Amino acid sequence: MSKLPASVTAPIAKELELFEKRFSEAMKSKTALLDAITRYIVKRKGKQVRPMFVFLSSLLNGGITESTYTAASMIELLHTATLVHDDVVDDSYERRGFFSINALWKNKIAVLVGDYLLARGLMLSVERGEFKILQLVSGAVKEMSEGELLQIEKARRLDIDESVYFDIIRQKTATLIASACATGAAAAGGDDERIERMRKLGETIGIAFQIKDDLLDFGSDDIGKPRGIDIQEKKLTLPIIYSLRKTDRLTRRKIIYIVKNENTDAGKVKDVVAFVHREGGIAYARQKMEAYRDDALAQLGAFPVSTARTALEDLVHFTVDRRK
């Protein structure tokens, strides 16, 4: 598993430690079943990269405040809610090497838990009068839902071109990192111009992040065997989209047929992966990812040198260099 550089967490180490405690408190419920499930989630959480974006964005734009903790909690609650719902939508029974909520407690309970986490995050902002942050996070919820539905719609017909692909990942993935950066700036007292500047930065990073995920599905960068999960879920990602655009009509029809009708056949999935490598889809997607990475670094370069800027630069590099 990829490890975050110490330079990323060092400037906000104390704040992250306090955030962990506050986030655990925010997850608690008086309903015994719900409390047991939220404890399970807290114990198996990931690196919490998105809250790091909130804290570092606040630090970059004036300093960490009480509002920063609220923003970080809202972002992480929203992120956790979407993961729980995604596992239901994708019929996934594993998350980060552990059983998913729907695997242990079934779909109905998983959906309700996701709803609770989303509502808890929104209520947190109302209780603390953080209406600007509420506005930013609510916008992210809307965008993420639209992105997910657009992807499902396109998966039925498999007619995704590159422009549609970027629309989907901008809404589905990048918008959450964008809102993390935007709420961080807002919590530090930034004006609308500064908030939008950070939102755009987060969106750029988020697009690079998602392209990296697409590459990992093909076993790129010598990480081992390809997973092929996106193919099994009939998702046309950037490496496939580019390769289909380059190839002849007959091969295109064959590959689309496999993705649509034979996506559970391991041998056929392997054929698709080999096709993408052969047609240069991996190299093309990596080039695009690196272009977004460089754009994000250029945006950060406009800020004065500081530990916060350096940490964010290292976090950007982590998003494209990670191996998982």
C-alpha atoms as a PDB file:
ATOM      1  CA  MET A   1       0.000   0.000   0.000  1.00  0.00           C
ATOM      2  CA  SER A   2       1.235   3.477  -0.864  1.00  0.00           C
ATOM      3  CA  LYS A   3       2.384   5.530   2.098  1.00  0.00           C
ATOM      4  CA  LEU A   4       1.836   9.255   2.352  1.00  0.00           C
ATOM      5  CA  PRO A   5       5.039  11.314   2.555  1.00  0.00           C
ATOM      6  CA  ALA A   6       5.715  12.690   6.041  1.00  0.00           C
ATOM      7  CA  SER A   7       5.968  16.172   4.512  1.00  0.00           C
ATOM      8  CA  VAL A   8       2.222  16.055   3.754  1.00  0.00           C
ATOM      9  CA  THR A   9       1.033  15.314   7.269  1.00  0.00           C
ATOM     10  CA  ALA A  10       3.757  17.090   9.304  1.00  0.00           C
ATOM     11  CA  PRO A  11       2.302  20.659   9.039  1.00  0.00           C
ATOM     12  CA  ILE A  12      -1.142  19.452  10.180  1.00  0.00           C
ATOM     13  CA  ALA A  13      -0.263  16.495  12.440  1.00  0.00           C
ATOM     14  CA  LYS A  14      -1.841  17.920  15.616  1.00  0.00           C
ATOM     15  CA  GLU A  15      -4.932  19.074  13.740  1.00  0.00           C
ATOM     16  CA  LEU A  16      -5.412  15.647  12.143  1.00  0.00           C
ATOM     17  CA  GLU A  17      -5.151  13.961  15.531  1.00  0.00           C
ATOM     18  CA  LEU A  18      -7.845  16.223  16.958  1.00  0.00           C
ATOM     19  CA  PHE A  19      -9.934  15.763  13.816  1.00  0.00           C
ATOM     20  CA  GLU A  20      -9.856  11.967  14.252  1.00  0.00           C
ATOM     21  CA  LYS A  21     -11.458  12.329  17.683  1.00  0.00           C
ATOM     22  CA  ARG A  22     -14.057  14.830  16.503  1.00  0.00           C
ATOM     23  CA  PHE A  23     -14.939  12.747  13.475  1.00  0.00           C
ATOM     24  CA  SER A  24     -15.494   9.657  15.610  1.00  0.00           C
ATOM     25  CA  GLU A  25     -17.814  11.702  17.829  1.00  0.00           C
ATOM     26  CA  ALA A  26     -19.719  13.000  14.805  1.00  0.00           C
ATOM     27  CA  MET A  27     -20.334   9.435  13.636  1.00  0.00           C
ATOM     28  CA  LYS A  28     -21.996   8.294  16.859  1.00  0.00           C
ATOM     29  CA  SER A  29     -25.694   7.462  17.047  1.00  0.00           C
ATOM     30  CA  LYS A  30     -28.165   6.587  19.800  1.00  0.00           C
ATOM     31  CA  THR A  31     -29.443   3.704  17.638  1.00  0.00           C
ATOM     32  CA  ALA A  32     -27.448   0.617  18.657  1.00  0.00           C
ATOM     33  CA  LEU A  33     -27.287  -0.967  15.191  1.00  0.00           C
ATOM     34  CA  LEU A  34     -26.256   2.278  13.532  1.00  0.00           C
ATOM     35  CA  ASP A  35     -23.642   2.968  16.204  1.00  0.00           C
ATOM     36  CA  ALA A  36     -22.137  -0.505  15.707  1.00  0.00           C
ATOM     37  CA  ILE A  37     -21.915   0.038  11.952  1.00  0.00           C
ATOM     38  CA  THR A  38     -20.368   3.502  12.240  1.00  0.00           C
ATOM     39  CA  ARG A  39     -17.759   2.124  14.671  1.00  0.00           C
ATOM     40  CA  TYR A  40     -16.952  -0.534  12.077  1.00  0.00           C
ATOM     41  CA  ILE A  41     -16.510   2.199   9.450  1.00  0.00           C
ATOM     42  CA  VAL A  42     -14.275   4.348  11.674  1.00  0.00           C
ATOM     43  CA  LYS A  43     -11.970   1.423  12.492  1.00  0.00           C
ATOM     44  CA  ARG A  44     -11.494   0.629   8.802  1.00  0.00           C
ATOM     45  CA  LYS A  45     -11.193   4.109   7.368  1.00  0.00           C
ATOM     46  CA  GLY A  46      -8.631   4.951   4.722  1.00  0.00           C
ATOM     47  CA  LYS A  47      -5.885   7.571   4.720  1.00  0.00           C
ATOM     48  CA  GLN A  48      -8.443  10.411   4.903  1.00  0.00           C
ATOM     49  CA  VAL A  49      -6.758  12.261   2.071  1.00  0.00           C
ATOM     50  CA  ARG A  50      -9.741  14.543   1.484  1.00  0.00           C
ATOM     51  CA  PRO A  51      -9.707  16.016   5.006  1.00  0.00           C
ATOM     52  CA  MET A  52      -5.994  16.638   4.455  1.00  0.00           C
ATOM     53  CA  PHE A  53      -6.894  18.747   1.437  1.00  0.00           C
ATOM     54  CA  VAL A  54      -9.279  20.732   3.665  1.00  0.00           C
ATOM     55  CA  PHE A  55      -6.679  21.396   6.372  1.00  0.00           C
ATOM     56  CA  LEU A  56      -3.843  22.188   3.976  1.00  0.00           C
ATOM     57  CA  SER A  57      -6.089  24.507   1.930  1.00  0.00           C
ATOM     58  CA  SER A  58      -7.031  26.376   5.097  1.00  0.00           C
ATOM     59  CA  LEU A  59      -3.379  26.609   6.088  1.00  0.00           C
ATOM     60  CA  LEU A  60      -2.477  27.886   2.617  1.00  0.00           C
ATOM     61  CA  ASN A  61      -5.177  30.547   2.703  1.00  0.00           C
ATOM     62  CA  GLY A  62      -4.726  32.129   6.107  1.00  0.00           C
ATOM     63  CA  GLY A  63      -4.761  29.463   8.774  1.00  0.00           C
ATOM     64  CA  ILE A  64      -6.736  26.614  10.320  1.00  0.00           C
ATOM     65  CA  THR A  65      -9.849  27.663  12.235  1.00  0.00           C
ATOM     66  CA  GLU A  66     -12.707  25.991  14.059  1.00  0.00           C
ATOM     67  CA  SER A  67     -14.609  26.084  10.775  1.00  0.00           C
ATOM     68  CA  THR A  68     -11.871  23.963   9.181  1.00  0.00           C
ATOM     69  CA  TYR A  69     -12.739  21.052  11.465  1.00  0.00           C
ATOM     70  CA  THR A  70     -16.404  21.325  10.514  1.00  0.00           C
ATOM     71  CA  ALA A  71     -15.530  21.417   6.811  1.00  0.00           C
ATOM     72  CA  ALA A  72     -13.217  18.397   7.124  1.00  0.00           C
ATOM     73  CA  SER A  73     -15.874  16.413   8.988  1.00  0.00           C
ATOM     74  CA  MET A  74     -18.502  17.263   6.386  1.00  0.00           C
ATOM     75  CA  ILE A  75     -16.238  16.255   3.518  1.00  0.00           C
ATOM     76  CA  GLU A  76     -15.292  12.959   5.161  1.00  0.00           C
ATOM     77  CA  LEU A  77     -18.911  12.151   6.094  1.00  0.00           C
ATOM     78  CA  LEU A  78     -19.966  12.827   2.506  1.00  0.00           C
ATOM     79  CA  HIS A  79     -17.098  10.751   1.136  1.00  0.00           C
ATOM     80  CA  THR A  80     -17.914   7.843   3.450  1.00  0.00           C
ATOM     81  CA  ALA A  81     -21.609   8.033   2.503  1.00  0.00           C
ATOM     82  CA  THR A  82     -20.765   7.834  -1.197  1.00  0.00           C
ATOM     83  CA  LEU A  83     -18.486   4.830  -0.642  1.00  0.00           C
ATOM     84  CA  VAL A  84     -21.261   2.980   1.196  1.00  0.00           C
ATOM     85  CA  HIS A  85     -23.752   3.786  -1.575  1.00  0.00           C
ATOM     86  CA  ASP A  86     -21.237   2.942  -4.327  1.00  0.00           C
ATOM     87  CA  ASP A  87     -20.758  -0.546  -2.897  1.00  0.00           C
ATOM     88  CA  VAL A  88     -24.516  -1.092  -3.126  1.00  0.00           C
ATOM     89  CA  VAL A  89     -24.699   0.254  -6.694  1.00  0.00           C
ATOM     90  CA  ASP A  90     -21.705  -1.848  -7.801  1.00  0.00           C
ATOM     91  CA  ASP A  91     -22.705  -5.006  -5.857  1.00  0.00           C
ATOM     92  CA  SER A  92     -19.296  -4.854  -4.208  1.00  0.00           C
ATOM     93  CA  TYR A  93     -18.724  -6.949  -1.093  1.00  0.00           C
ATOM     94  CA  GLU A  94     -15.258  -5.735  -0.228  1.00  0.00           C
ATOM     95  CA  ARG A  95     -13.844  -2.316   0.656  1.00  0.00           C
ATOM     96  CA  ARG A  96     -10.134  -1.775   1.430  1.00  0.00           C
ATOM     97  CA  GLY A  97      -9.642  -5.480   2.090  1.00  0.00           C
ATOM     98  CA  PHE A  98     -12.596  -5.733   4.510  1.00  0.00           C
ATOM     99  CA  PHE A  99     -16.223  -6.702   4.065  1.00  0.00           C
ATOM    100  CA  SER A 100     -18.349  -3.800   2.830  1.00  0.00           C
ATOM    101  CA  ILE A 101     -21.380  -2.612   4.803  1.00  0.00           C
ATOM    102  CA  ASN A 102     -23.811  -4.223   2.332  1.00  0.00           C
ATOM    103  CA  ALA A 103     -21.900  -7.518   2.569  1.00  0.00           C
ATOM    104  CA  LEU A 104     -22.340  -7.641   6.349  1.00  0.00           C
ATOM    105  CA  TRP A 105     -25.702  -5.911   6.840  1.00  0.00           C
ATOM    106  CA  LYS A 106     -27.338  -6.165   3.362  1.00  0.00           C
ATOM    107  CA  ASN A 107     -28.314  -3.455   0.893  1.00  0.00           C
ATOM    108  CA  LYS A 108     -31.293  -1.936   2.687  1.00  0.00           C
ATOM    109  CA  ILE A 109     -29.299  -1.155   5.822  1.00  0.00           C
ATOM    110  CA  ALA A 110     -26.295   0.038   3.779  1.00  0.00           C
ATOM    111  CA  VAL A 111     -28.455   2.555   1.894  1.00  0.00           C
ATOM    112  CA  LEU A 112     -29.916   3.860   5.151  1.00  0.00           C
ATOM    113  CA  VAL A 113     -26.440   4.143   6.711  1.00  0.00           C
ATOM    114  CA  GLY A 114     -25.256   6.152   3.699  1.00  0.00           C
ATOM    115  CA  ASP A 115     -28.303   8.404   4.062  1.00  0.00           C
ATOM    116  CA  TYR A 116     -27.548   8.892   7.758  1.00  0.00           C
ATOM    117  CA  LEU A 117     -23.921   9.850   7.087  1.00  0.00           C
ATOM    118  CA  LEU A 118     -24.966  12.354   4.439  1.00  0.00           C
ATOM    119  CA  ALA A 119     -27.639  13.872   6.689  1.00  0.00           C
ATOM    120  CA  ARG A 120     -25.219  13.986   9.621  1.00  0.00           C
ATOM    121  CA  GLY A 121     -22.750  15.957   7.572  1.00  0.00           C
ATOM    122  CA  LEU A 122     -25.348  18.441   6.392  1.00  0.00           C
ATOM    123  CA  MET A 123     -26.762  18.848   9.906  1.00  0.00           C
ATOM    124  CA  LEU A 124     -23.275  19.478  11.267  1.00  0.00           C
ATOM    125  CA  SER A 125     -22.993  22.604   9.148  1.00  0.00           C
ATOM    126  CA  VAL A 126     -26.475  23.823  10.135  1.00  0.00           C
ATOM    127  CA  GLU A 127     -25.813  23.271  13.846  1.00  0.00           C
ATOM    128  CA  ARG A 128     -22.637  25.361  13.596  1.00  0.00           C
ATOM    129  CA  GLY A 129     -23.997  28.028  11.262  1.00  0.00           C
ATOM    130  CA  GLU A 130     -21.541  27.164   8.476  1.00  0.00           C
ATOM    131  CA  PHE A 131     -23.844  28.039   5.599  1.00  0.00           C
ATOM    132  CA  LYS A 132     -21.123  28.848   3.059  1.00  0.00           C
ATOM    133  CA  ILE A 133     -19.553  25.462   3.653  1.00  0.00           C
ATOM    134  CA  LEU A 134     -23.011  23.871   3.450  1.00  0.00           C
ATOM    135  CA  GLN A 135     -23.550  25.528   0.075  1.00  0.00           C
ATOM    136  CA  LEU A 136     -20.243  24.216  -1.262  1.00  0.00           C
ATOM    137  CA  VAL A 137     -20.757  20.666   0.004  1.00  0.00           C
ATOM    138  CA  SER A 138     -24.397  20.514  -1.167  1.00  0.00           C
ATOM    139  CA  GLY A 139     -23.197  21.485  -4.629  1.00  0.00           C
ATOM    140  CA  ALA A 140     -20.742  18.594  -4.512  1.00  0.00           C
ATOM    141  CA  VAL A 141     -23.523  16.135  -3.566  1.00  0.00           C
ATOM    142  CA  LYS A 142     -25.537  17.292  -6.584  1.00  0.00           C
ATOM    143  CA  GLU A 143     -22.567  17.026  -8.957  1.00  0.00           C
ATOM    144  CA  MET A 144     -21.553  13.574  -7.707  1.00  0.00           C
ATOM    145  CA  SER A 145     -25.089  12.207  -8.112  1.00  0.00           C
ATOM    146  CA  GLU A 146     -25.323  13.585 -11.643  1.00  0.00           C
ATOM    147  CA  GLY A 147     -21.921  12.126 -12.527  1.00  0.00           C
ATOM    148  CA  GLU A 148     -22.875   8.683 -11.237  1.00  0.00           C
ATOM    149  CA  LEU A 149     -26.156   8.708 -13.167  1.00  0.00           C
ATOM    150  CA  LEU A 150     -24.428   9.904 -16.335  1.00  0.00           C
ATOM    151  CA  GLN A 151     -21.962   7.023 -16.058  1.00  0.00           C
ATOM    152  CA  ILE A 152     -24.776   4.487 -15.574  1.00  0.00           C
ATOM    153  CA  GLU A 153     -26.666   5.927 -18.540  1.00  0.00           C
ATOM    154  CA  LYS A 154     -23.620   5.745 -20.810  1.00  0.00           C
ATOM    155  CA  ALA A 155     -22.654   2.258 -19.582  1.00  0.00           C
ATOM    156  CA  ARG A 156     -25.909   0.925 -21.030  1.00  0.00           C
ATOM    157  CA  ARG A 157     -25.044   2.061 -24.555  1.00  0.00           C
ATOM    158  CA  LEU A 158     -21.236   2.137 -24.260  1.00  0.00           C
ATOM    159  CA  ASP A 159     -21.102   5.346 -26.281  1.00  0.00           C
ATOM    160  CA  ILE A 160     -18.672   7.294 -24.108  1.00  0.00           C
ATOM    161  CA  ASP A 161     -16.216   9.517 -25.923  1.00  0.00           C
ATOM    162  CA  GLU A 162     -13.364  11.417 -24.291  1.00  0.00           C
ATOM    163  CA  SER A 163     -15.368  14.584 -23.635  1.00  0.00           C
ATOM    164  CA  VAL A 164     -18.143  12.629 -21.897  1.00  0.00           C
ATOM    165  CA  TYR A 165     -15.549  10.691 -19.894  1.00  0.00           C
ATOM    166  CA  PHE A 166     -14.080  13.925 -18.536  1.00  0.00           C
ATOM    167  CA  ASP A 167     -17.586  15.217 -17.730  1.00  0.00           C
ATOM    168  CA  ILE A 168     -18.219  12.059 -15.709  1.00  0.00           C
ATOM    169  CA  ILE A 169     -14.982  12.073 -13.710  1.00  0.00           C
ATOM    170  CA  ARG A 170     -15.161  15.820 -13.124  1.00  0.00           C
ATOM    171  CA  GLN A 171     -18.588  15.376 -11.524  1.00  0.00           C
ATOM    172  CA  LYS A 172     -18.185  11.968  -9.930  1.00  0.00           C
ATOM    173  CA  THR A 173     -14.676  12.177  -8.473  1.00  0.00           C
ATOM    174  CA  ALA A 174     -13.025  15.556  -8.953  1.00  0.00           C
ATOM    175  CA  THR A 175     -15.878  17.557  -7.450  1.00  0.00           C
ATOM    176  CA  LEU A 176     -15.289  16.116  -3.964  1.00  0.00           C
ATOM    177  CA  ILE A 177     -11.599  17.060  -3.913  1.00  0.00           C
ATOM    178  CA  ALA A 178     -12.607  20.423  -5.421  1.00  0.00           C
ATOM    179  CA  SER A 179     -15.069  21.010  -2.581  1.00  0.00           C
ATOM    180  CA  ALA A 180     -12.466  19.906  -0.012  1.00  0.00           C
ATOM    181  CA  CYS A 181     -10.087  22.605  -1.259  1.00  0.00           C
ATOM    182  CA  ALA A 182     -12.869  25.182  -1.607  1.00  0.00           C
ATOM    183  CA  THR A 183     -14.275  24.603   1.898  1.00  0.00           C
ATOM    184  CA  GLY A 184     -10.751  24.773   3.311  1.00  0.00           C
ATOM    185  CA  ALA A 185     -10.324  28.232   1.794  1.00  0.00           C
ATOM    186  CA  ALA A 186     -13.793  29.296   2.970  1.00  0.00           C
ATOM    187  CA  ALA A 187     -13.052  28.104   6.520  1.00  0.00           C
ATOM    188  CA  ALA A 188      -9.927  30.283   6.543  1.00  0.00           C
ATOM    189  CA  GLY A 189     -12.018  33.331   5.645  1.00  0.00           C
ATOM    190  CA  GLY A 190     -11.188  33.417   1.947  1.00  0.00           C
ATOM    191  CA  ASP A 191     -13.338  35.528  -0.370  1.00  0.00           C
ATOM    192  CA  ASP A 192     -15.264  34.118  -3.345  1.00  0.00           C
ATOM    193  CA  GLU A 193     -12.319  34.629  -5.686  1.00  0.00           C
ATOM    194  CA  ARG A 194      -9.970  32.697  -3.397  1.00  0.00           C
ATOM    195  CA  ILE A 195     -12.559  29.944  -2.854  1.00  0.00           C
ATOM    196  CA  GLU A 196     -13.041  29.527  -6.615  1.00  0.00           C
ATOM    197  CA  ARG A 197      -9.288  29.474  -7.126  1.00  0.00           C
ATOM    198  CA  MET A 198      -8.964  26.598  -4.673  1.00  0.00           C
ATOM    199  CA  ARG A 199     -12.002  24.811  -6.126  1.00  0.00           C
ATOM    200  CA  LYS A 200     -10.370  24.856  -9.551  1.00  0.00           C
ATOM    201  CA  LEU A 201      -7.125  23.530  -8.068  1.00  0.00           C
ATOM    202  CA  GLY A 202      -8.979  20.685  -6.367  1.00  0.00           C
ATOM    203  CA  GLU A 203     -10.855  19.825  -9.545  1.00  0.00           C
ATOM    204  CA  THR A 204      -7.586  19.590 -11.490  1.00  0.00           C
ATOM    205  CA  ILE A 205      -6.075  17.315  -8.828  1.00  0.00           C
ATOM    206  CA  GLY A 206      -9.255  15.225  -8.735  1.00  0.00           C
ATOM    207  CA  ILE A 207      -9.149  14.571 -12.478  1.00  0.00           C
ATOM    208  CA  ALA A 208      -5.521  13.423 -12.228  1.00  0.00           C
ATOM    209  CA  PHE A 209      -6.526  11.229  -9.261  1.00  0.00           C
ATOM    210  CA  GLN A 210      -9.270   9.481 -11.237  1.00  0.00           C
ATOM    211  CA  ILE A 211      -7.114   8.877 -14.306  1.00  0.00           C
ATOM    212  CA  LYS A 212      -4.593   7.234 -11.964  1.00  0.00           C
ATOM    213  CA  ASP A 213      -7.372   4.953 -10.687  1.00  0.00           C
ATOM    214  CA  ASP A 214      -8.158   4.020 -14.282  1.00  0.00           C
ATOM    215  CA  LEU A 215      -4.513   3.176 -14.901  1.00  0.00           C
ATOM    216  CA  LEU A 216      -4.309   1.045 -11.763  1.00  0.00           C
ATOM    217  CA  ASP A 217      -7.173  -1.071 -13.105  1.00  0.00           C
ATOM    218  CA  PHE A 218      -4.916  -2.072 -16.001  1.00  0.00           C
ATOM    219  CA  GLY A 219      -1.979  -3.030 -13.795  1.00  0.00           C
ATOM    220  CA  SER A 220       0.136  -0.176 -15.064  1.00  0.00           C
ATOM    221  CA  ASP A 221       3.472   0.900 -13.631  1.00  0.00           C
ATOM    222  CA  ASP A 222       4.438  -2.673 -12.726  1.00  0.00           C
ATOM    223  CA  ILE A 223       1.951  -2.911  -9.857  1.00  0.00           C
ATOM    224  CA  GLY A 224       1.162  -6.499 -10.733  1.00  0.00           C
ATOM    225  CA  LYS A 225      -1.746  -8.217 -12.443  1.00  0.00           C
ATOM    226  CA  PRO A 226      -4.483  -5.979 -13.845  1.00  0.00           C
ATOM    227  CA  ARG A 227      -7.730  -5.937 -11.905  1.00  0.00           C
ATOM    228  CA  GLY A 228     -10.069  -5.385 -14.844  1.00  0.00           C
ATOM    229  CA  ILE A 229     -12.849  -4.328 -12.476  1.00  0.00           C
ATOM    230  CA  ASP A 230     -13.905  -1.393 -14.670  1.00  0.00           C
ATOM    231  CA  ILE A 231     -14.299  -3.733 -17.638  1.00  0.00           C
ATOM    232  CA  GLN A 232     -16.374  -6.140 -15.544  1.00  0.00           C
ATOM    233  CA  GLU A 233     -18.605  -3.193 -14.574  1.00  0.00           C
ATOM    234  CA  LYS A 234     -18.910  -2.092 -18.234  1.00  0.00           C
ATOM    235  CA  LYS A 235     -17.079   1.168 -17.596  1.00  0.00           C
ATOM    236  CA  LEU A 236     -15.262   2.696 -20.549  1.00  0.00           C
ATOM    237  CA  THR A 237     -12.325   4.564 -19.033  1.00  0.00           C
ATOM    238  CA  LEU A 238      -9.763   6.757 -20.756  1.00  0.00           C
ATOM    239  CA  PRO A 239      -7.281   3.998 -21.739  1.00  0.00           C
ATOM    240  CA  ILE A 240     -10.062   2.030 -23.494  1.00  0.00           C
ATOM    241  CA  ILE A 241     -11.702   5.093 -25.039  1.00  0.00           C
ATOM    242  CA  TYR A 242      -8.429   6.178 -26.638  1.00  0.00           C
ATOM    243  CA  SER A 243      -7.618   2.657 -27.850  1.00  0.00           C
ATOM    244  CA  LEU A 244     -11.069   2.224 -29.407  1.00  0.00           C
ATOM    245  CA  ARG A 245     -10.683   5.536 -31.217  1.00  0.00           C
ATOM    246  CA  LYS A 246      -7.400   4.406 -32.722  1.00  0.00           C
ATOM    247  CA  THR A 247      -8.353   0.931 -33.869  1.00  0.00           C
ATOM    248  CA  ASP A 248     -10.276  -0.331 -36.932  1.00  0.00           C
ATOM    249  CA  ARG A 249     -14.052  -0.749 -36.954  1.00  0.00           C
ATOM    250  CA  LEU A 250     -14.038  -4.557 -36.715  1.00  0.00           C
ATOM    251  CA  THR A 251     -11.738  -4.605 -33.668  1.00  0.00           C
ATOM    252  CA  ARG A 252     -13.756  -1.816 -32.083  1.00  0.00           C
ATOM    253  CA  ARG A 253     -16.966  -3.832 -32.417  1.00  0.00           C
ATOM    254  CA  LYS A 254     -15.239  -6.911 -30.981  1.00  0.00           C
ATOM    255  CA  ILE A 255     -13.908  -5.074 -27.922  1.00  0.00           C
ATOM    256  CA  ILE A 256     -17.221  -3.337 -27.223  1.00  0.00           C
ATOM    257  CA  TYR A 257     -19.005  -6.690 -27.519  1.00  0.00           C
ATOM    258  CA  ILE A 258     -16.672  -8.203 -24.914  1.00  0.00           C
ATOM    259  CA  VAL A 259     -17.173  -5.287 -22.508  1.00  0.00           C
ATOM    260  CA  LYS A 260     -20.924  -5.448 -22.971  1.00  0.00           C
ATOM    261  CA  ASN A 261     -21.572  -9.200 -23.059  1.00  0.00           C
ATOM    262  CA  GLU A 262     -18.481 -11.152 -21.959  1.00  0.00           C
ATOM    263  CA  ASN A 263     -17.141  -8.963 -19.143  1.00  0.00           C
ATOM    264  CA  THR A 264     -17.187 -11.822 -16.594  1.00  0.00           C
ATOM    265  CA  ASP A 265     -14.965 -14.049 -18.743  1.00  0.00           C
ATOM    266  CA  ALA A 266     -11.437 -13.652 -17.292  1.00  0.00           C
ATOM    267  CA  GLY A 267      -9.830 -14.628 -20.582  1.00  0.00           C
ATOM    268  CA  LYS A 268     -11.844 -12.081 -22.534  1.00  0.00           C
ATOM    269  CA  VAL A 269     -11.085  -9.357 -19.993  1.00  0.00           C
ATOM    270  CA  LYS A 270      -7.404 -10.210 -20.381  1.00  0.00           C
ATOM    271  CA  ASP A 271      -7.794  -9.764 -24.150  1.00  0.00           C
ATOM    272  CA  VAL A 272      -9.214  -6.277 -23.624  1.00  0.00           C
ATOM    273  CA  VAL A 273      -6.351  -5.345 -21.300  1.00  0.00           C
ATOM    274  CA  ALA A 274      -3.807  -6.592 -23.868  1.00  0.00           C
ATOM    275  CA  PHE A 275      -5.588  -4.608 -26.596  1.00  0.00           C
ATOM    276  CA  VAL A 276      -5.399  -1.401 -24.560  1.00  0.00           C
ATOM    277  CA  HIS A 277      -1.695  -1.858 -23.882  1.00  0.00           C
ATOM    278  CA  ARG A 278      -1.052  -2.649 -27.541  1.00  0.00           C
ATOM    279  CA  GLU A 279      -2.912   0.397 -28.851  1.00  0.00           C
ATOM    280  CA  GLY A 280      -1.123   2.831 -26.527  1.00  0.00           C
ATOM    281  CA  GLY A 281      -4.093   3.541 -24.261  1.00  0.00           C
ATOM    282  CA  ILE A 282      -1.993   3.295 -21.105  1.00  0.00           C
ATOM    283  CA  ALA A 283       0.663   5.693 -22.355  1.00  0.00           C
ATOM    284  CA  TYR A 284      -1.977   8.161 -23.539  1.00  0.00           C
ATOM    285  CA  ALA A 285      -3.861   8.149 -20.223  1.00  0.00           C
ATOM    286  CA  ARG A 286      -0.607   8.560 -18.301  1.00  0.00           C
ATOM    287  CA  GLN A 287       0.288  11.553 -20.480  1.00  0.00           C
ATOM    288  CA  LYS A 288      -3.085  13.151 -19.736  1.00  0.00           C
ATOM    289  CA  MET A 289      -2.734  12.462 -16.013  1.00  0.00           C
ATOM    290  CA  GLU A 290       0.692  14.052 -15.925  1.00  0.00           C
ATOM    291  CA  ALA A 291      -0.627  17.102 -17.785  1.00  0.00           C
ATOM    292  CA  TYR A 292      -3.283  17.619 -15.083  1.00  0.00           C
ATOM    293  CA  ARG A 293      -0.662  17.045 -12.399  1.00  0.00           C
ATOM    294  CA  ASP A 294       1.571  19.690 -13.943  1.00  0.00           C
ATOM    295  CA  ASP A 295      -1.380  22.083 -14.222  1.00  0.00           C
ATOM    296  CA  ALA A 296      -2.136  21.621 -10.511  1.00  0.00           C
ATOM    297  CA  LEU A 297       1.493  22.205  -9.585  1.00  0.00           C
ATOM    298  CA  ALA A 298       1.548  25.360 -11.710  1.00  0.00           C
ATOM    299  CA  GLN A 299      -1.559  26.654  -9.911  1.00  0.00           C
ATOM    300  CA  LEU A 300       0.118  25.984  -6.560  1.00  0.00           C
ATOM    301  CA  GLY A 301       3.278  27.697  -7.786  1.00  0.00           C
ATOM    302  CA  ALA A 302       1.392  30.990  -7.863  1.00  0.00           C
ATOM    303  CA  PHE A 303       1.159  30.905  -4.050  1.00  0.00           C
ATOM    304  CA  PRO A 304       4.039  32.084  -1.843  1.00  0.00           C
ATOM    305  CA  VAL A 305       6.443  29.382  -0.701  1.00  0.00           C
ATOM    306  CA  SER A 306       5.269  27.828   2.573  1.00  0.00           C
ATOM    307  CA  THR A 307       5.035  24.475   4.342  1.00  0.00           C
ATOM    308  CA  ALA A 308       1.384  24.281   3.294  1.00  0.00           C
ATOM    309  CA  ARG A 309       2.242  24.776  -0.377  1.00  0.00           C
ATOM    310  CA  THR A 310       5.027  22.192  -0.211  1.00  0.00           C
ATOM    311  CA  ALA A 311       2.710  19.717   1.512  1.00  0.00           C
ATOM    312  CA  LEU A 312       0.032  20.204  -1.152  1.00  0.00           C
ATOM    313  CA  GLU A 313       2.611  19.796  -3.910  1.00  0.00           C
ATOM    314  CA  ASP A 314       3.734  16.517  -2.333  1.00  0.00           C
ATOM    315  CA  LEU A 315       0.099  15.443  -1.976  1.00  0.00           C
ATOM    316  CA  VAL A 316      -0.428  16.114  -5.696  1.00  0.00           C
ATOM    317  CA  HIS A 317       2.579  13.936  -6.510  1.00  0.00           C
ATOM    318  CA  PHE A 318       1.201  11.236  -4.206  1.00  0.00           C
ATOM    319  CA  THR A 319      -2.114  11.126  -6.079  1.00  0.00           C
ATOM    320  CA  VAL A 320      -0.368  10.204  -9.339  1.00  0.00           C
ATOM    321  CA  ASP A 321       2.520   8.127  -7.941  1.00  0.00           C
ATOM    322  CA  ARG A 322       0.503   5.899  -5.559  1.00  0.00           C
ATOM    323  CA  ARG A 323       0.424   2.188  -6.277  1.00  0.00           C
ATOM    324  CA  LYS A 324      -3.006   1.501  -4.833  1.00  0.00           C
END
